N, C-alpha and C. Protein backbone atom coordinates (compact mmCIF):
# COMPACT_ATOMS: atom_id res chain seq x y z
N MET A 1 61.86 -11.60 58.58
CA MET A 1 62.14 -10.77 57.42
C MET A 1 63.19 -11.39 56.52
N ASP A 2 63.90 -12.39 56.98
CA ASP A 2 64.89 -13.04 56.12
C ASP A 2 64.23 -13.70 54.92
N TYR A 3 63.01 -14.20 55.11
CA TYR A 3 62.36 -14.87 53.99
C TYR A 3 62.02 -13.86 52.89
N VAL A 4 61.76 -12.62 53.24
CA VAL A 4 61.48 -11.60 52.22
C VAL A 4 62.72 -11.33 51.40
N SER A 5 63.85 -11.16 52.05
CA SER A 5 65.09 -10.89 51.32
C SER A 5 65.53 -12.11 50.51
N ALA A 6 65.10 -13.32 50.92
CA ALA A 6 65.44 -14.52 50.17
C ALA A 6 64.54 -14.66 48.94
N LEU A 7 63.33 -14.14 48.99
CA LEU A 7 62.39 -14.29 47.88
C LEU A 7 62.45 -13.17 46.86
N VAL A 8 62.97 -12.02 47.21
CA VAL A 8 62.96 -10.87 46.30
C VAL A 8 63.76 -11.14 45.02
N PRO A 9 65.00 -11.61 45.08
CA PRO A 9 65.74 -11.82 43.81
C PRO A 9 65.06 -12.79 42.84
N PRO A 10 64.56 -13.96 43.29
CA PRO A 10 63.89 -14.84 42.33
C PRO A 10 62.62 -14.23 41.74
N VAL A 11 61.89 -13.48 42.55
CA VAL A 11 60.67 -12.86 42.04
C VAL A 11 61.00 -11.79 41.01
N VAL A 12 62.04 -11.01 41.26
CA VAL A 12 62.45 -9.98 40.30
C VAL A 12 62.93 -10.63 39.01
N MET A 13 63.72 -11.68 39.11
CA MET A 13 64.21 -12.36 37.91
C MET A 13 63.06 -13.00 37.14
N ALA A 14 62.09 -13.57 37.84
CA ALA A 14 60.95 -14.18 37.17
C ALA A 14 60.14 -13.12 36.43
N ALA A 15 59.93 -11.98 37.05
CA ALA A 15 59.19 -10.90 36.40
C ALA A 15 59.93 -10.40 35.16
N PHE A 16 61.24 -10.26 35.26
CA PHE A 16 62.04 -9.84 34.11
C PHE A 16 61.94 -10.86 32.99
N PHE A 17 62.02 -12.14 33.32
CA PHE A 17 61.96 -13.20 32.32
C PHE A 17 60.60 -13.21 31.62
N VAL A 18 59.53 -13.05 32.38
CA VAL A 18 58.19 -13.00 31.78
C VAL A 18 58.09 -11.81 30.83
N GLY A 19 58.61 -10.67 31.25
CA GLY A 19 58.60 -9.50 30.38
C GLY A 19 59.40 -9.72 29.11
N LEU A 20 60.53 -10.39 29.22
CA LEU A 20 61.36 -10.68 28.06
C LEU A 20 60.63 -11.60 27.09
N VAL A 21 60.00 -12.64 27.60
CA VAL A 21 59.27 -13.57 26.75
C VAL A 21 58.10 -12.86 26.06
N VAL A 22 57.37 -12.03 26.79
CA VAL A 22 56.25 -11.29 26.20
C VAL A 22 56.75 -10.36 25.10
N THR A 23 57.87 -9.70 25.33
CA THR A 23 58.43 -8.80 24.32
C THR A 23 58.84 -9.57 23.07
N ILE A 24 59.46 -10.72 23.24
CA ILE A 24 59.88 -11.53 22.09
C ILE A 24 58.66 -12.00 21.30
N ILE A 25 57.64 -12.44 22.00
CA ILE A 25 56.45 -12.94 21.31
C ILE A 25 55.74 -11.80 20.57
N LYS A 26 55.66 -10.64 21.17
CA LYS A 26 54.99 -9.51 20.52
C LYS A 26 55.77 -9.00 19.32
N SER A 27 57.08 -9.16 19.31
CA SER A 27 57.88 -8.63 18.21
C SER A 27 57.95 -9.59 17.03
N GLN A 28 57.38 -10.77 17.15
CA GLN A 28 57.36 -11.71 16.03
C GLN A 28 56.33 -11.25 15.01
N GLY A 29 56.68 -11.32 13.75
CA GLY A 29 55.74 -10.92 12.70
C GLY A 29 55.66 -9.42 12.60
N GLY A 30 54.54 -8.93 12.17
CA GLY A 30 54.35 -7.49 12.06
C GLY A 30 54.93 -6.93 10.79
N PRO A 31 55.01 -5.61 10.71
CA PRO A 31 55.47 -4.97 9.47
C PRO A 31 56.94 -5.19 9.17
N ASN A 32 57.75 -5.52 10.16
CA ASN A 32 59.18 -5.71 9.91
C ASN A 32 59.53 -7.15 9.55
N LYS A 33 58.55 -8.05 9.54
CA LYS A 33 58.84 -9.46 9.30
C LYS A 33 59.48 -9.67 7.93
N ALA A 34 58.95 -9.04 6.90
CA ALA A 34 59.50 -9.22 5.55
C ALA A 34 60.93 -8.70 5.48
N LYS A 35 61.19 -7.57 6.13
CA LYS A 35 62.54 -6.99 6.10
C LYS A 35 63.52 -7.90 6.86
N GLU A 36 63.07 -8.45 7.99
CA GLU A 36 63.94 -9.35 8.74
C GLU A 36 64.20 -10.63 7.98
N ASP A 37 63.15 -11.17 7.34
CA ASP A 37 63.33 -12.38 6.54
C ASP A 37 64.27 -12.14 5.38
N ALA A 38 64.18 -10.98 4.74
CA ALA A 38 65.07 -10.66 3.63
C ALA A 38 66.51 -10.54 4.10
N ALA A 39 66.71 -9.97 5.29
CA ALA A 39 68.07 -9.85 5.82
C ALA A 39 68.67 -11.22 6.11
N VAL A 40 67.86 -12.12 6.66
CA VAL A 40 68.35 -13.48 6.95
C VAL A 40 68.64 -14.21 5.64
N ASP A 41 67.75 -14.09 4.66
CA ASP A 41 67.99 -14.74 3.37
C ASP A 41 69.26 -14.22 2.71
N ALA A 42 69.51 -12.93 2.80
CA ALA A 42 70.72 -12.37 2.21
C ALA A 42 71.97 -12.88 2.92
N ALA A 43 71.91 -12.98 4.24
CA ALA A 43 73.06 -13.49 4.98
C ALA A 43 73.32 -14.95 4.65
N LEU A 44 72.26 -15.74 4.52
CA LEU A 44 72.44 -17.14 4.15
C LEU A 44 72.99 -17.27 2.74
N ALA A 45 72.55 -16.42 1.82
CA ALA A 45 73.07 -16.46 0.45
C ALA A 45 74.55 -16.10 0.42
N ARG A 46 74.95 -15.09 1.22
CA ARG A 46 76.37 -14.73 1.28
C ARG A 46 77.20 -15.87 1.84
N ALA A 47 76.67 -16.53 2.86
CA ALA A 47 77.42 -17.64 3.45
C ALA A 47 77.53 -18.80 2.46
N ALA A 48 76.47 -19.07 1.73
CA ALA A 48 76.50 -20.16 0.76
C ALA A 48 77.45 -19.85 -0.38
N SER A 49 77.46 -18.59 -0.86
CA SER A 49 78.35 -18.25 -1.96
C SER A 49 79.81 -18.24 -1.51
N ALA A 50 80.06 -17.83 -0.30
CA ALA A 50 81.43 -17.85 0.22
C ALA A 50 81.92 -19.28 0.41
N GLU A 51 80.99 -20.18 0.72
CA GLU A 51 81.37 -21.58 0.92
C GLU A 51 81.69 -22.24 -0.41
N GLN A 52 81.01 -21.85 -1.49
CA GLN A 52 81.22 -22.47 -2.78
C GLN A 52 82.36 -21.82 -3.58
N ALA A 53 82.77 -20.63 -3.20
CA ALA A 53 83.82 -19.94 -3.93
C ALA A 53 85.14 -20.68 -3.76
N PRO A 54 85.88 -20.83 -4.86
CA PRO A 54 87.19 -21.51 -4.76
C PRO A 54 88.17 -20.65 -3.97
N ARG A 55 88.90 -21.28 -3.15
CA ARG A 55 89.88 -20.57 -2.32
C ARG A 55 91.20 -20.48 -3.07
N SER A 56 91.78 -19.31 -3.07
CA SER A 56 93.08 -19.18 -3.72
C SER A 56 94.16 -19.26 -2.64
N GLU A 57 94.73 -20.43 -2.53
CA GLU A 57 95.77 -20.65 -1.52
C GLU A 57 97.13 -20.35 -2.13
N GLY A 58 97.95 -19.69 -1.37
CA GLY A 58 99.28 -19.36 -1.85
C GLY A 58 100.19 -20.59 -1.84
N VAL A 59 100.25 -21.25 -2.97
CA VAL A 59 101.04 -22.48 -3.04
C VAL A 59 102.41 -22.18 -3.58
């Protein structure tokens, strides 16, 4: 019975990992894709504008 207790944790982790990968793949695209892409584009635009903005250093 020691072999059963040795195999249970890896099997449970493997099943969880497979479920995670399936969930990630299924959530790609779909009706929320445009909203997610817009959110990423907005975040990148904010980062780019913050990078180009002149810094006012207290000299």
